[in-house]
Protein backbone atom coordinates (compact mmCIF):
# COMPACT_ATOMS: atom_id res chain seq x y z
CA UNK A 1 -144.06 -44.58 -96.17
CA UNK A 2 -147.10 -43.43 -93.62
CA UNK A 3 -150.32 -44.43 -93.53
CA UNK A 4 -151.34 -40.84 -94.25
CA UNK A 5 -149.51 -40.33 -97.20
CA UNK A 6 -150.89 -43.32 -99.02
CA UNK A 7 -152.93 -42.78 -101.35
CA UNK A 8 -156.40 -44.94 -101.75
CA UNK A 9 -155.37 -46.15 -104.77
CA UNK A 10 -152.15 -47.84 -103.40
CA UNK A 11 -154.35 -49.01 -99.88
CA UNK A 12 -157.17 -50.18 -102.86
CA UNK A 13 -153.76 -52.21 -104.04
CA UNK A 14 -152.49 -54.02 -100.93
CA UNK A 15 -156.75 -55.03 -99.84
CA UNK A 16 -156.93 -57.09 -103.93
CA UNK A 17 -153.38 -58.45 -102.44
CA UNK A 18 -154.64 -59.40 -99.39
CA UNK A 19 -157.99 -61.15 -100.95
CA UNK A 20 -155.36 -62.87 -103.35
CA UNK A 21 -153.08 -64.96 -100.80
CA UNK A 22 -156.66 -65.04 -99.09
CA UNK A 23 -158.21 -67.14 -102.63
CA UNK A 24 -154.74 -69.12 -103.00
CA UNK A 25 -154.78 -70.11 -98.64
CA UNK A 26 -158.72 -70.97 -99.20
CA UNK A 27 -158.02 -73.30 -102.21
CA UNK A 28 -155.01 -74.95 -100.47
CA UNK A 29 -157.29 -76.50 -97.95
CA UNK A 30 -159.79 -77.58 -100.58
CA UNK A 31 -157.30 -79.11 -102.25
CA UNK A 32 -155.61 -80.93 -99.38
CA UNK A 33 -159.48 -81.77 -98.14
CA UNK A 34 -160.01 -83.03 -101.67
CA UNK A 35 -156.10 -84.76 -101.50
CA UNK A 36 -157.59 -86.03 -98.01
CA UNK A 37 -160.76 -88.26 -99.70
CA UNK A 38 -163.16 -85.71 -98.27
CA UNK A 39 -166.20 -84.57 -100.88
CA UNK A 40 -166.06 -81.97 -103.60
CA UNK A 41 -168.81 -80.03 -101.76
CA UNK A 42 -167.34 -80.26 -98.00
CA UNK A 43 -163.97 -79.10 -99.60
CA UNK A 44 -165.02 -76.07 -101.88
CA UNK A 45 -167.62 -75.31 -98.70
CA UNK A 46 -164.08 -75.77 -96.03
CA UNK A 47 -161.65 -73.96 -98.96
CA UNK A 48 -163.63 -70.48 -99.00
CA UNK A 49 -164.61 -70.43 -94.65
CA UNK A 50 -160.57 -70.50 -94.83
CA UNK A 51 -159.83 -68.29 -97.57
CA UNK A 52 -162.50 -66.08 -96.09
CA UNK A 53 -161.06 -66.74 -92.80
CA UNK A 54 -158.01 -65.36 -94.23
CA UNK A 55 -158.27 -62.62 -95.54
CA UNK A 56 -160.47 -61.46 -92.24
CA UNK A 57 -157.19 -61.72 -89.93
CA UNK A 58 -154.63 -60.43 -92.89
CA UNK A 59 -157.00 -57.27 -92.08
CA UNK A 60 -157.33 -56.54 -89.27
CA UNK A 61 -153.01 -57.21 -88.54
CA UNK A 62 -152.56 -55.02 -91.33
CA UNK A 63 -154.52 -52.05 -89.64
CA UNK A 64 -153.58 -53.21 -85.83
CA UNK A 65 -149.73 -53.41 -87.36
CA UNK A 66 -150.97 -49.73 -89.08
CA UNK A 67 -151.67 -48.29 -86.35
CA UNK A 68 -149.10 -49.22 -83.60
CA UNK A 69 -146.42 -46.13 -83.16
CA UNK A 70 -143.70 -46.69 -85.01
CA UNK A 71 -140.85 -47.34 -82.64
CA UNK A 72 -142.91 -49.67 -81.66
CA UNK A 73 -143.64 -51.68 -84.43
CA UNK A 74 -141.58 -55.09 -84.86
CA UNK A 75 -138.80 -55.21 -86.78
CA UNK A 76 -136.71 -51.85 -86.34
CA UNK A 77 -133.85 -51.28 -86.09
CA UNK A 78 -131.73 -48.66 -83.96
């Protein structure tokens, strides 16, 4: 499915999924830091920064992948 064939609702749902994945990743970082004995404030701050960075990287990666011509995308079998 090409990007121009998608409705804005599908793109919005994709952003929600990417945000939830980033939130889970940030939570995992927070739990890991708490398990290592860091303070809750520090662990929450680093977890939030990790979630934000992961979300930005996922969104940038998605739009870079979508900007590639279809024949140059990885995983294509010809």
